[in-house]
Structure formats: structure tokens, C-alpha cells
């Protein structure tokens, strides 16, 4: 029997999570776990449902969304009272997340006071300490967000997320607008801060290189469903789902000639609500059979992970 990839005692347990917008499905029947102190990466093409999943974990889906299934933190449903206390968000756009009219340190101090009820003086001290923990000198706590570089702004929102010592941090594409060197530095800081406080991290990203460097497990998403889910070292070395295989084939390698055209997955992801009865990836899959176009594959345990695929060769893995 293959080991169950769902953890026996997870910090976060997601079961049957589905999200519809006016009857159009954006997520369908997602189930996964995040262990204590673990980094789980949500990966996939644009439109796969990664950001919707992140917002659903926080209970921050937009108006008009219908959410079903369960999101449990230590076995209890996540509520609005958990925001900023037990769960925190590192957003994609740091400039929009930070107030343009208040000093960055004051914004962090307000977050501390609203949760911990500290005095103004103690909250400011805690805010300065949080900024120093991400590499921003305390002397710059009086600066405004427009005075920071892009990398410093992203460090500031990490400090804001971590200032109240949450148990779970959700980071939604936190390095999109940064250069590669700064991206790696920011992800390293985020991972190290979570490790220092014992927090778990859900990292939404399209960067598979970052996943290999910073994540413990990964959930590969396609058309609002999980295609493959399990340990990073297994999936990146030997992907089983055809979609995961296709994503990894698009990455450059050490032997890729300079300026050469990288492989791509033929076709396009389906529009929301346009998924047919079978496997959503079947129209783009080179292995697809007639069954793939008529029957949706259920996730099954293979080689210490879960894979949603009909392929016969998985039986012999």
C-alpha cells in the first residue's frame, strides 16, 4: 500500500474545497494538508486557481463567490477572528498593500496594537524589531512606502505578516515584480522568518525553480483541480501527471542553448466553466485516450503522492 500523502496531524486541513462565481466553478473539490512548519507550494499556469485557493484559505473570496468544503486550522474552521492573528497574508502587490500616507513603522505598530493590545511605545518597538528581522534598519521605520525600493516594500509586507507571529502565512506570488536575484532573497527571508517562528507557509507561485529551492511539498493545479500533490523532491525528479511533466519540460536546463526557444505545452487552459466531462487536460495531453475525454480522473495514491490521471503506467510505479 502506498503511504497516504495527507498528513496525520496537519496544521491546515483542506477538504473538498470548491469555489463558484455565479455558478461558474473556479475550484473543484480540492483536498490537501499543510504540516506544522512546512512550506507547501501551489503551482500551475495562470488561471489554474492558485490565487482563488489562497483567498479561500483566508476566507477572503470576493462577493458573489459560493464556497463549499472545509478549511480547518488545528481542526477548527478558519474565521475572520484568525486574520492577522493565526493566519497572515503576504500579497502580490506590496505597494497597494501599504498605505502611502503613513510611515511603514506606524502601519506595523497599528497591526500589533489591533491584535496584541500593546501600548503605542511597545507596539512601535515590536514593529521596529519586525522590520529589522527582514533586513530593514529600525531607523527607516519612519519612511513611507514610496521611499522604499520594490524589494524593501516586499520585505515590509513580510514583516507586517509576521509581526504577530501567525501560525500560517499565505504568500500570493510575493515576488512577481522583482528581478531574479531579489526574488530569491525575498523568498529566503520569508522562509527563514517562518522557520524562526515555527509558522507554516503556503506559497503561490509559477516559478518551479523557487519551488525546488524553498518548498517541502507542492500541489500542481490545473483548471481549478489538483493534478499532482506530494513531496517536491519526488515530483520534480519524476513527475507522474502529464501536466506536471509538461510544465517541467518548459524549464531551461544547464545545456539549453543561449536564446533558443523553450518547449511549450500545446493549446491553452480551458476557460472557467468550459471544462468538459473528462480530464480537463486531455485536449492538450499527448497521452490522452478516449477514456480521458469522457471520464474525469479521481486522485489516487501513487509513489507517496496523489495523481489525478487515468494513465495505465501509473499502476506499475
C-alpha atoms as a PDB file:
ATOM      1  CA  UNK A   1       0.000   0.000   0.000  1.00  0.00           C
ATOM      2  CA  UNK A   2       1.310   3.424  -0.880  1.00  0.00           C
ATOM      3  CA  UNK A   3       1.761   5.871   2.035  1.00  0.00           C
ATOM      4  CA  UNK A   4      -1.003   8.401   2.415  1.00  0.00           C
ATOM      5  CA  UNK A   5       0.323  11.802   1.269  1.00  0.00           C
ATOM      6  CA  UNK A   6      -2.150  13.562   3.587  1.00  0.00           C
ATOM      7  CA  UNK A   7      -0.516  14.263   6.933  1.00  0.00           C
ATOM      8  CA  UNK A   8      -1.752  12.525  10.111  1.00  0.00           C
ATOM      9  CA  UNK A   9      -1.737  15.714  12.204  1.00  0.00           C
ATOM     10  CA  UNK A  10      -1.780  18.747   9.880  1.00  0.00           C
ATOM     11  CA  UNK A  11      -1.791  22.375  10.915  1.00  0.00           C
ATOM     12  CA  UNK A  12      -4.112  23.154   7.996  1.00  0.00           C
ATOM     13  CA  UNK A  13      -6.515  20.579   6.545  1.00  0.00           C
ATOM     14  CA  UNK A  14      -8.402  21.432   3.350  1.00  0.00           C
ATOM     15  CA  UNK A  15     -11.157  19.011   2.358  1.00  0.00           C
ATOM     16  CA  UNK A  16     -13.406  19.201  -0.702  1.00  0.00           C
ATOM     17  CA  UNK A  17     -12.838  22.933  -1.201  1.00  0.00           C
ATOM     18  CA  UNK A  18     -14.868  24.295  -4.111  1.00  0.00           C
ATOM     19  CA  UNK A  19     -15.496  27.899  -5.186  1.00  0.00           C
ATOM     20  CA  UNK A  20     -18.048  29.060  -7.770  1.00  0.00           C
ATOM     21  CA  UNK A  21     -18.563  32.559  -9.134  1.00  0.00           C
ATOM     22  CA  UNK A  22     -22.197  32.998 -10.209  1.00  0.00           C
ATOM     23  CA  UNK A  23     -22.394  29.289 -10.956  1.00  0.00           C
ATOM     24  CA  UNK A  24     -19.067  29.162 -12.810  1.00  0.00           C
ATOM     25  CA  UNK A  25     -16.614  26.832 -10.998  1.00  0.00           C
ATOM     26  CA  UNK A  26     -13.196  28.263 -10.178  1.00  0.00           C
ATOM     27  CA  UNK A  27     -12.101  25.496  -7.775  1.00  0.00           C
ATOM     28  CA  UNK A  28     -13.423  21.958  -7.625  1.00  0.00           C
ATOM     29  CA  UNK A  29     -13.041  19.516  -4.747  1.00  0.00           C
ATOM     30  CA  UNK A  30      -9.527  20.430  -3.528  1.00  0.00           C
ATOM     31  CA  UNK A  31      -8.102  18.443  -0.628  1.00  0.00           C
ATOM     32  CA  UNK A  32      -4.616  18.903   0.799  1.00  0.00           C
ATOM     33  CA  UNK A  33      -2.749  19.370   4.072  1.00  0.00           C
ATOM     34  CA  UNK A  34      -0.087  21.728   5.369  1.00  0.00           C
ATOM     35  CA  UNK A  35       2.032  20.359   8.175  1.00  0.00           C
ATOM     36  CA  UNK A  36       3.484  22.351  11.090  1.00  0.00           C
ATOM     37  CA  UNK A  37       6.476  24.361   9.879  1.00  0.00           C
ATOM     38  CA  UNK A  38       6.027  23.123   6.318  1.00  0.00           C
ATOM     39  CA  UNK A  39       6.253  25.049   3.037  1.00  0.00           C
ATOM     40  CA  UNK A  40       3.603  23.988   0.521  1.00  0.00           C
ATOM     41  CA  UNK A  41       3.791  25.481  -2.980  1.00  0.00           C
ATOM     42  CA  UNK A  42       0.711  25.908  -5.167  1.00  0.00           C
ATOM     43  CA  UNK A  43       1.859  25.914  -8.800  1.00  0.00           C
ATOM     44  CA  UNK A  44       0.320  25.984 -12.264  1.00  0.00           C
ATOM     45  CA  UNK A  45      -0.359  28.241 -15.227  1.00  0.00           C
ATOM     46  CA  UNK A  46      -2.302  31.489 -14.946  1.00  0.00           C
ATOM     47  CA  UNK A  47      -5.956  30.668 -14.394  1.00  0.00           C
ATOM     48  CA  UNK A  48      -5.220  27.366 -12.645  1.00  0.00           C
ATOM     49  CA  UNK A  49      -6.935  28.586  -9.470  1.00  0.00           C
ATOM     50  CA  UNK A  50      -3.905  29.248  -7.273  1.00  0.00           C
ATOM     51  CA  UNK A  51      -4.857  32.741  -6.084  1.00  0.00           C
ATOM     52  CA  UNK A  52      -8.509  31.759  -5.602  1.00  0.00           C
ATOM     53  CA  UNK A  53      -7.282  28.917  -3.406  1.00  0.00           C
ATOM     54  CA  UNK A  54      -5.121  31.307  -1.381  1.00  0.00           C
ATOM     55  CA  UNK A  55      -8.040  33.678  -0.828  1.00  0.00           C
ATOM     56  CA  UNK A  56     -10.350  30.813   0.078  1.00  0.00           C
ATOM     57  CA  UNK A  57      -7.895  29.620   2.729  1.00  0.00           C
ATOM     58  CA  UNK A  58      -8.107  33.081   4.295  1.00  0.00           C
ATOM     59  CA  UNK A  59     -11.871  33.352   3.904  1.00  0.00           C
ATOM     60  CA  UNK A  60     -11.315  36.370   1.647  1.00  0.00           C
ATOM     61  CA  UNK A  61     -13.128  35.315  -1.540  1.00  0.00           C
ATOM     62  CA  UNK A  62     -14.884  38.195  -3.365  1.00  0.00           C
ATOM     63  CA  UNK A  63     -18.582  38.932  -3.181  1.00  0.00           C
ATOM     64  CA  UNK A  64     -20.666  36.590  -5.274  1.00  0.00           C
ATOM     65  CA  UNK A  65     -18.455  33.606  -4.552  1.00  0.00           C
ATOM     66  CA  UNK A  66     -20.044  30.396  -3.288  1.00  0.00           C
ATOM     67  CA  UNK A  67     -17.643  28.366  -1.150  1.00  0.00           C
ATOM     68  CA  UNK A  68     -18.136  24.767  -0.047  1.00  0.00           C
ATOM     69  CA  UNK A  69     -15.935  22.213   1.660  1.00  0.00           C
ATOM     70  CA  UNK A  70     -13.860  22.881   4.757  1.00  0.00           C
ATOM     71  CA  UNK A  71     -10.691  24.762   5.720  1.00  0.00           C
ATOM     72  CA  UNK A  72      -9.598  23.718   9.201  1.00  0.00           C
ATOM     73  CA  UNK A  73      -6.791  25.162  11.306  1.00  0.00           C
ATOM     74  CA  UNK A  74      -5.887  22.712  14.075  1.00  0.00           C
ATOM     75  CA  UNK A  75      -9.214  21.026  13.403  1.00  0.00           C
ATOM     76  CA  UNK A  76     -11.352  24.169  13.764  1.00  0.00           C
ATOM     77  CA  UNK A  77     -12.874  26.233  10.925  1.00  0.00           C
ATOM     78  CA  UNK A  78     -10.934  29.353   9.956  1.00  0.00           C
ATOM     79  CA  UNK A  79     -12.821  32.525  10.923  1.00  0.00           C
ATOM     80  CA  UNK A  80     -12.351  36.266  10.462  1.00  0.00           C
ATOM     81  CA  UNK A  81     -11.002  36.397  14.032  1.00  0.00           C
ATOM     82  CA  UNK A  82      -7.983  34.382  12.843  1.00  0.00           C
ATOM     83  CA  UNK A  83      -6.876  37.013  10.298  1.00  0.00           C
ATOM     84  CA  UNK A  84      -3.673  38.726  11.347  1.00  0.00           C
ATOM     85  CA  UNK A  85      -3.505  36.594  14.471  1.00  0.00           C
ATOM     86  CA  UNK A  86      -3.191  32.951  13.449  1.00  0.00           C
ATOM     87  CA  UNK A  87      -3.187  33.455   9.664  1.00  0.00           C
ATOM     88  CA  UNK A  88      -1.485  36.208   7.672  1.00  0.00           C
ATOM     89  CA  UNK A  89      -1.222  37.199   4.013  1.00  0.00           C
ATOM     90  CA  UNK A  90       1.816  38.351   2.033  1.00  0.00           C
ATOM     91  CA  UNK A  91       0.171  39.948  -1.024  1.00  0.00           C
ATOM     92  CA  UNK A  92       1.433  40.150  -4.579  1.00  0.00           C
ATOM     93  CA  UNK A  93       1.420  43.953  -4.812  1.00  0.00           C
ATOM     94  CA  UNK A  94       3.235  45.405  -1.816  1.00  0.00           C
ATOM     95  CA  UNK A  95       2.751  48.984  -2.991  1.00  0.00           C
ATOM     96  CA  UNK A  96      -1.038  48.606  -2.910  1.00  0.00           C
ATOM     97  CA  UNK A  97      -0.918  46.809   0.440  1.00  0.00           C
ATOM     98  CA  UNK A  98       0.991  49.610   2.183  1.00  0.00           C
ATOM     99  CA  UNK A  99      -0.583  52.971   2.976  1.00  0.00           C
ATOM    100  CA  UNK A 100       1.024  55.837   1.022  1.00  0.00           C
ATOM    101  CA  UNK A 101       0.310  58.405   3.764  1.00  0.00           C
ATOM    102  CA  UNK A 102       1.513  56.625   6.920  1.00  0.00           C
ATOM    103  CA  UNK A 103       5.090  55.661   7.806  1.00  0.00           C
ATOM    104  CA  UNK A 104       5.757  51.957   7.353  1.00  0.00           C
ATOM    105  CA  UNK A 105       6.670  51.505  11.013  1.00  0.00           C
ATOM    106  CA  UNK A 106       3.393  53.072  12.122  1.00  0.00           C
ATOM    107  CA  UNK A 107       1.457  50.645   9.938  1.00  0.00           C
ATOM    108  CA  UNK A 108       3.185  47.701  11.574  1.00  0.00           C
ATOM    109  CA  UNK A 109       2.642  49.191  15.033  1.00  0.00           C
ATOM    110  CA  UNK A 110      -1.066  49.531  14.301  1.00  0.00           C
ATOM    111  CA  UNK A 111      -1.204  45.867  13.274  1.00  0.00           C
ATOM    112  CA  UNK A 112       0.443  44.935  16.594  1.00  0.00           C
ATOM    113  CA  UNK A 113      -1.875  47.087  18.692  1.00  0.00           C
ATOM    114  CA  UNK A 114      -5.014  45.815  16.961  1.00  0.00           C
ATOM    115  CA  UNK A 115      -4.095  42.208  17.755  1.00  0.00           C
ATOM    116  CA  UNK A 116      -1.974  42.277  20.898  1.00  0.00           C
ATOM    117  CA  UNK A 117      -3.291  45.380  22.614  1.00  0.00           C
ATOM    118  CA  UNK A 118       0.164  46.742  23.405  1.00  0.00           C
ATOM    119  CA  UNK A 119       0.897  50.352  24.304  1.00  0.00           C
ATOM    120  CA  UNK A 120       1.980  52.694  21.494  1.00  0.00           C
ATOM    121  CA  UNK A 121       5.567  52.582  22.711  1.00  0.00           C
ATOM    122  CA  UNK A 122       5.740  48.778  22.933  1.00  0.00           C
ATOM    123  CA  UNK A 123       3.966  48.385  19.589  1.00  0.00           C
ATOM    124  CA  UNK A 124       6.497  50.666  17.905  1.00  0.00           C
ATOM    125  CA  UNK A 125       9.367  48.711  19.436  1.00  0.00           C
ATOM    126  CA  UNK A 126       7.843  45.463  18.184  1.00  0.00           C
ATOM    127  CA  UNK A 127       7.326  46.984  14.727  1.00  0.00           C
ATOM    128  CA  UNK A 128      10.942  48.130  14.509  1.00  0.00           C
ATOM    129  CA  UNK A 129      12.119  44.706  15.610  1.00  0.00           C
ATOM    130  CA  UNK A 130       9.969  43.060  12.921  1.00  0.00           C
ATOM    131  CA  UNK A 131      11.487  45.311  10.261  1.00  0.00           C
ATOM    132  CA  UNK A 132      15.000  44.539  11.457  1.00  0.00           C
ATOM    133  CA  UNK A 133      14.203  40.815  11.254  1.00  0.00           C
ATOM    134  CA  UNK A 134      13.668  41.194   7.484  1.00  0.00           C
ATOM    135  CA  UNK A 135      16.730  43.379   6.958  1.00  0.00           C
ATOM    136  CA  UNK A 136      15.220  46.874   7.185  1.00  0.00           C
ATOM    137  CA  UNK A 137      17.077  49.096   9.700  1.00  0.00           C
ATOM    138  CA  UNK A 138      14.912  50.434  12.524  1.00  0.00           C
ATOM    139  CA  UNK A 139      15.931  53.970  11.503  1.00  0.00           C
ATOM    140  CA  UNK A 140      13.914  53.519   8.301  1.00  0.00           C
ATOM    141  CA  UNK A 141      10.699  52.667  10.119  1.00  0.00           C
ATOM    142  CA  UNK A 142       9.642  56.327   9.791  1.00  0.00           C
ATOM    143  CA  UNK A 143       9.950  56.212   5.981  1.00  0.00           C
ATOM    144  CA  UNK A 144       6.916  55.967   3.679  1.00  0.00           C
ATOM    145  CA  UNK A 145       6.381  53.123   1.235  1.00  0.00           C
ATOM    146  CA  UNK A 146       7.229  55.267  -1.820  1.00  0.00           C
ATOM    147  CA  UNK A 147      10.684  55.824  -0.319  1.00  0.00           C
ATOM    148  CA  UNK A 148      11.392  52.087  -0.373  1.00  0.00           C
ATOM    149  CA  UNK A 149      12.631  50.044  -3.323  1.00  0.00           C
ATOM    150  CA  UNK A 150      10.463  47.200  -4.591  1.00  0.00           C
ATOM    151  CA  UNK A 151      12.473  44.667  -2.626  1.00  0.00           C
ATOM    152  CA  UNK A 152      12.233  46.715   0.568  1.00  0.00           C
ATOM    153  CA  UNK A 153       8.472  47.091   0.171  1.00  0.00           C
ATOM    154  CA  UNK A 154       8.154  43.333  -0.145  1.00  0.00           C
ATOM    155  CA  UNK A 155      10.290  42.896   2.975  1.00  0.00           C
ATOM    156  CA  UNK A 156       7.982  45.343   4.758  1.00  0.00           C
ATOM    157  CA  UNK A 157       4.831  43.360   3.937  1.00  0.00           C
ATOM    158  CA  UNK A 158       6.598  40.190   5.098  1.00  0.00           C
ATOM    159  CA  UNK A 159       7.374  41.982   8.370  1.00  0.00           C
ATOM    160  CA  UNK A 160       3.729  43.049   8.618  1.00  0.00           C
ATOM    161  CA  UNK A 161       2.574  39.478   8.046  1.00  0.00           C
ATOM    162  CA  UNK A 162       4.977  38.091  10.653  1.00  0.00           C
ATOM    163  CA  UNK A 163       4.717  40.826  13.291  1.00  0.00           C
ATOM    164  CA  UNK A 164       2.009  38.991  15.279  1.00  0.00           C
ATOM    165  CA  UNK A 165       3.663  35.573  14.988  1.00  0.00           C
ATOM    166  CA  UNK A 166       0.950  33.784  12.932  1.00  0.00           C
ATOM    167  CA  UNK A 167       0.828  30.009  12.661  1.00  0.00           C
ATOM    168  CA  UNK A 168       0.147  30.068   8.912  1.00  0.00           C
ATOM    169  CA  UNK A 169       1.333  32.516   6.248  1.00  0.00           C
ATOM    170  CA  UNK A 170      -0.192  32.602   2.757  1.00  0.00           C
ATOM    171  CA  UNK A 171       2.059  34.284   0.180  1.00  0.00           C
ATOM    172  CA  UNK A 172       0.350  35.031  -3.142  1.00  0.00           C
ATOM    173  CA  UNK A 173       3.010  35.449  -5.878  1.00  0.00           C
ATOM    174  CA  UNK A 174       5.109  37.598  -3.482  1.00  0.00           C
ATOM    175  CA  UNK A 175       7.996  38.240  -5.904  1.00  0.00           C
ATOM    176  CA  UNK A 176       6.276  38.847  -9.253  1.00  0.00           C
ATOM    177  CA  UNK A 177       7.610  42.348  -9.960  1.00  0.00           C
ATOM    178  CA  UNK A 178      11.161  41.743  -8.710  1.00  0.00           C
ATOM    179  CA  UNK A 179      14.355  40.782 -10.524  1.00  0.00           C
ATOM    180  CA  UNK A 180      15.542  37.149 -10.129  1.00  0.00           C
ATOM    181  CA  UNK A 181      18.246  37.896  -7.561  1.00  0.00           C
ATOM    182  CA  UNK A 182      15.859  39.910  -5.393  1.00  0.00           C
ATOM    183  CA  UNK A 183      13.168  37.262  -5.798  1.00  0.00           C
ATOM    184  CA  UNK A 184      15.407  34.603  -4.290  1.00  0.00           C
ATOM    185  CA  UNK A 185      16.438  36.915  -1.431  1.00  0.00           C
ATOM    186  CA  UNK A 186      12.810  37.708  -0.605  1.00  0.00           C
ATOM    187  CA  UNK A 187      11.762  34.054  -0.652  1.00  0.00           C
ATOM    188  CA  UNK A 188      14.745  33.162   1.516  1.00  0.00           C
ATOM    189  CA  UNK A 189      13.765  35.833   4.046  1.00  0.00           C
ATOM    190  CA  UNK A 190      10.145  34.670   4.027  1.00  0.00           C
ATOM    191  CA  UNK A 191      11.107  31.036   4.522  1.00  0.00           C
ATOM    192  CA  UNK A 192      13.630  31.874   7.247  1.00  0.00           C
ATOM    193  CA  UNK A 193      11.174  34.058   9.146  1.00  0.00           C
ATOM    194  CA  UNK A 194       8.582  31.282   9.052  1.00  0.00           C
ATOM    195  CA  UNK A 195      11.176  28.758  10.223  1.00  0.00           C
ATOM    196  CA  UNK A 196      12.259  31.063  13.056  1.00  0.00           C
ATOM    197  CA  UNK A 197       8.713  31.391  14.377  1.00  0.00           C
ATOM    198  CA  UNK A 198       7.529  27.864  13.525  1.00  0.00           C
ATOM    199  CA  UNK A 199       4.948  29.138  11.035  1.00  0.00           C
ATOM    200  CA  UNK A 200       3.801  27.121   8.050  1.00  0.00           C
ATOM    201  CA  UNK A 201       3.830  28.705   4.599  1.00  0.00           C
ATOM    202  CA  UNK A 202       1.555  28.316   1.574  1.00  0.00           C
ATOM    203  CA  UNK A 203       3.459  29.774  -1.369  1.00  0.00           C
ATOM    204  CA  UNK A 204       1.542  30.592  -4.548  1.00  0.00           C
ATOM    205  CA  UNK A 205       3.996  30.760  -7.426  1.00  0.00           C
ATOM    206  CA  UNK A 206       4.549  29.981 -11.101  1.00  0.00           C
ATOM    207  CA  UNK A 207       8.314  29.679 -10.546  1.00  0.00           C
ATOM    208  CA  UNK A 208       9.226  25.992 -10.372  1.00  0.00           C
ATOM    209  CA  UNK A 209      12.846  26.903  -9.672  1.00  0.00           C
ATOM    210  CA  UNK A 210      11.723  28.664  -6.498  1.00  0.00           C
ATOM    211  CA  UNK A 211       9.639  25.639  -5.571  1.00  0.00           C
ATOM    212  CA  UNK A 212      12.678  23.375  -5.749  1.00  0.00           C
ATOM    213  CA  UNK A 213      14.721  25.757  -3.604  1.00  0.00           C
ATOM    214  CA  UNK A 214      12.170  26.728  -0.977  1.00  0.00           C
ATOM    215  CA  UNK A 215       9.247  24.261  -0.708  1.00  0.00           C
ATOM    216  CA  UNK A 216       8.798  20.898   1.012  1.00  0.00           C
ATOM    217  CA  UNK A 217       5.710  19.774  -0.878  1.00  0.00           C
ATOM    218  CA  UNK A 218       3.824  21.023  -3.895  1.00  0.00           C
ATOM    219  CA  UNK A 219       0.301  20.951  -5.281  1.00  0.00           C
ATOM    220  CA  UNK A 220       0.168  21.219  -9.063  1.00  0.00           C
ATOM    221  CA  UNK A 221      -3.124  22.798 -10.139  1.00  0.00           C
ATOM    222  CA  UNK A 222      -4.899  22.776 -13.475  1.00  0.00           C
ATOM    223  CA  UNK A 223      -8.346  24.211 -14.255  1.00  0.00           C
ATOM    224  CA  UNK A 224      -9.235  24.519 -10.572  1.00  0.00           C
ATOM    225  CA  UNK A 225      -8.273  20.951  -9.641  1.00  0.00           C
ATOM    226  CA  UNK A 226      -5.202  19.174  -8.321  1.00  0.00           C
ATOM    227  CA  UNK A 227      -3.218  17.319 -10.980  1.00  0.00           C
ATOM    228  CA  UNK A 228      -0.435  16.127  -8.677  1.00  0.00           C
ATOM    229  CA  UNK A 229       0.307  16.612  -4.994  1.00  0.00           C
ATOM    230  CA  UNK A 230       3.181  15.403  -2.863  1.00  0.00           C
ATOM    231  CA  UNK A 231       6.840  15.888  -1.873  1.00  0.00           C
ATOM    232  CA  UNK A 232       8.824  18.319  -4.015  1.00  0.00           C
ATOM    233  CA  UNK A 233      11.825  16.024  -4.341  1.00  0.00           C
ATOM    234  CA  UNK A 234       9.693  13.233  -5.806  1.00  0.00           C
ATOM    235  CA  UNK A 235       7.633  15.354  -8.173  1.00  0.00           C
ATOM    236  CA  UNK A 236      10.460  17.446  -9.596  1.00  0.00           C
ATOM    237  CA  UNK A 237      12.668  14.405 -10.151  1.00  0.00           C
ATOM    238  CA  UNK A 238       9.944  12.139 -11.532  1.00  0.00           C
ATOM    239  CA  UNK A 239       6.653  13.864 -12.405  1.00  0.00           C
ATOM    240  CA  UNK A 240       3.760  11.465 -12.946  1.00  0.00           C
ATOM    241  CA  UNK A 241       0.897  13.674 -14.107  1.00  0.00           C
ATOM    242  CA  UNK A 242       1.279  14.617 -17.798  1.00  0.00           C
ATOM    243  CA  UNK A 243       0.568  18.249 -16.934  1.00  0.00           C
ATOM    244  CA  UNK A 244       3.386  18.319 -14.364  1.00  0.00           C
ATOM    245  CA  UNK A 245       5.669  16.659 -16.897  1.00  0.00           C
ATOM    246  CA  UNK A 246       4.766  19.350 -19.432  1.00  0.00           C
ATOM    247  CA  UNK A 247       5.463  22.196 -17.009  1.00  0.00           C
ATOM    248  CA  UNK A 248       8.880  20.836 -16.115  1.00  0.00           C
ATOM    249  CA  UNK A 249       9.751  20.258 -19.777  1.00  0.00           C
ATOM    250  CA  UNK A 250       9.308  24.003 -20.363  1.00  0.00           C
ATOM    251  CA  UNK A 251      12.111  24.905 -17.951  1.00  0.00           C
ATOM    252  CA  UNK A 252      15.582  25.750 -19.271  1.00  0.00           C
ATOM    253  CA  UNK A 253      18.423  23.451 -18.256  1.00  0.00           C
ATOM    254  CA  UNK A 254      22.182  23.891 -17.967  1.00  0.00           C
ATOM    255  CA  UNK A 255      22.559  22.608 -21.533  1.00  0.00           C
ATOM    256  CA  UNK A 256      19.889  24.839 -23.094  1.00  0.00           C
ATOM    257  CA  UNK A 257      21.497  26.897 -25.899  1.00  0.00           C
ATOM    258  CA  UNK A 258      21.504  30.669 -25.439  1.00  0.00           C
ATOM    259  CA  UNK A 259      18.474  32.404 -26.990  1.00  0.00           C
ATOM    260  CA  UNK A 260      16.916  29.083 -28.007  1.00  0.00           C
ATOM    261  CA  UNK A 261      13.135  28.721 -27.950  1.00  0.00           C
ATOM    262  CA  UNK A 262      11.927  26.747 -24.937  1.00  0.00           C
ATOM    263  CA  UNK A 263       9.317  23.982 -25.320  1.00  0.00           C
ATOM    264  CA  UNK A 264       5.710  24.862 -24.533  1.00  0.00           C
ATOM    265  CA  UNK A 265       2.575  22.878 -23.769  1.00  0.00           C
ATOM    266  CA  UNK A 266       0.381  22.975 -26.900  1.00  0.00           C
ATOM    267  CA  UNK A 267      -3.004  24.646 -26.619  1.00  0.00           C
ATOM    268  CA  UNK A 268      -4.447  26.773 -23.836  1.00  0.00           C
ATOM    269  CA  UNK A 269      -6.070  26.088 -20.474  1.00  0.00           C
ATOM    270  CA  UNK A 270      -9.867  25.920 -20.617  1.00  0.00           C
ATOM    271  CA  UNK A 271     -11.908  28.993 -19.797  1.00  0.00           C
ATOM    272  CA  UNK A 272     -13.690  28.889 -16.414  1.00  0.00           C
ATOM    273  CA  UNK A 273     -16.822  26.792 -16.726  1.00  0.00           C
ATOM    274  CA  UNK A 274     -15.764  25.339 -20.092  1.00  0.00           C
ATOM    275  CA  UNK A 275     -14.239  22.103 -18.749  1.00  0.00           C
ATOM    276  CA  UNK A 276     -15.749  19.049 -20.437  1.00  0.00           C
ATOM    277  CA  UNK A 277     -16.838  15.840 -18.701  1.00  0.00           C
ATOM    278  CA  UNK A 278     -13.426  14.172 -18.869  1.00  0.00           C
ATOM    279  CA  UNK A 279      -9.951  15.230 -17.783  1.00  0.00           C
ATOM    280  CA  UNK A 280      -9.539  18.995 -18.197  1.00  0.00           C
ATOM    281  CA  UNK A 281      -6.014  18.495 -19.541  1.00  0.00           C
ATOM    282  CA  UNK A 282      -6.996  15.855 -22.113  1.00  0.00           C
ATOM    283  CA  UNK A 283      -7.197  18.277 -25.111  1.00  0.00           C
ATOM    284  CA  UNK A 284      -3.534  19.222 -24.528  1.00  0.00           C
ATOM    285  CA  UNK A 285      -2.215  15.827 -23.399  1.00  0.00           C
ATOM    286  CA  UNK A 286      -0.153  13.696 -25.783  1.00  0.00           C
ATOM    287  CA  UNK A 287      -1.060  10.545 -23.836  1.00  0.00           C
ATOM    288  CA  UNK A 288      -4.845  11.084 -23.812  1.00  0.00           C
ATOM    289  CA  UNK A 289      -7.120   8.165 -24.682  1.00  0.00           C
ATOM    290  CA  UNK A 290     -10.850   8.034 -25.287  1.00  0.00           C
ATOM    291  CA  UNK A 291     -11.453   7.471 -21.584  1.00  0.00           C
ATOM    292  CA  UNK A 292      -9.636  10.708 -20.777  1.00  0.00           C
ATOM    293  CA  UNK A 293     -12.168  12.710 -22.800  1.00  0.00           C
ATOM    294  CA  UNK A 294     -15.227  11.154 -21.178  1.00  0.00           C
ATOM    295  CA  UNK A 295     -14.316  10.309 -17.565  1.00  0.00           C
ATOM    296  CA  UNK A 296     -12.796  12.685 -15.032  1.00  0.00           C
ATOM    297  CA  UNK A 297      -9.886  11.006 -13.202  1.00  0.00           C
ATOM    298  CA  UNK A 298     -10.087  10.786  -9.430  1.00  0.00           C
ATOM    299  CA  UNK A 299      -6.882  11.398  -7.437  1.00  0.00           C
ATOM    300  CA  UNK A 300      -5.120   8.173  -6.489  1.00  0.00           C
ATOM    301  CA  UNK A 301      -2.123   7.420  -4.307  1.00  0.00           C
ATOM    302  CA  UNK A 302       0.983   6.578  -6.338  1.00  0.00           C
ATOM    303  CA  UNK A 303       4.595   6.608  -5.136  1.00  0.00           C
ATOM    304  CA  UNK A 304       3.907   8.630  -1.994  1.00  0.00           C
ATOM    305  CA  UNK A 305       1.838  11.321  -3.720  1.00  0.00           C
ATOM    306  CA  UNK A 306      -1.604  11.844  -5.249  1.00  0.00           C
ATOM    307  CA  UNK A 307      -2.077  11.939  -9.017  1.00  0.00           C
ATOM    308  CA  UNK A 308      -5.274  12.632 -10.955  1.00  0.00           C
ATOM    309  CA  UNK A 309      -4.685  10.662 -14.159  1.00  0.00           C
ATOM    310  CA  UNK A 310      -6.001   7.580 -15.985  1.00  0.00           C
ATOM    311  CA  UNK A 311      -2.621   6.522 -17.400  1.00  0.00           C
ATOM    312  CA  UNK A 312      -2.098   2.777 -17.087  1.00  0.00           C
ATOM    313  CA  UNK A 313       1.646   3.047 -16.458  1.00  0.00           C
ATOM    314  CA  UNK A 314       0.968   4.625 -13.068  1.00  0.00           C
ATOM    315  CA  UNK A 315      -0.167   1.233 -11.826  1.00  0.00           C
ATOM    316  CA  UNK A 316       3.394  -0.103 -12.128  1.00  0.00           C
ATOM    317  CA  UNK A 317       5.192   2.832 -10.450  1.00  0.00           C
END
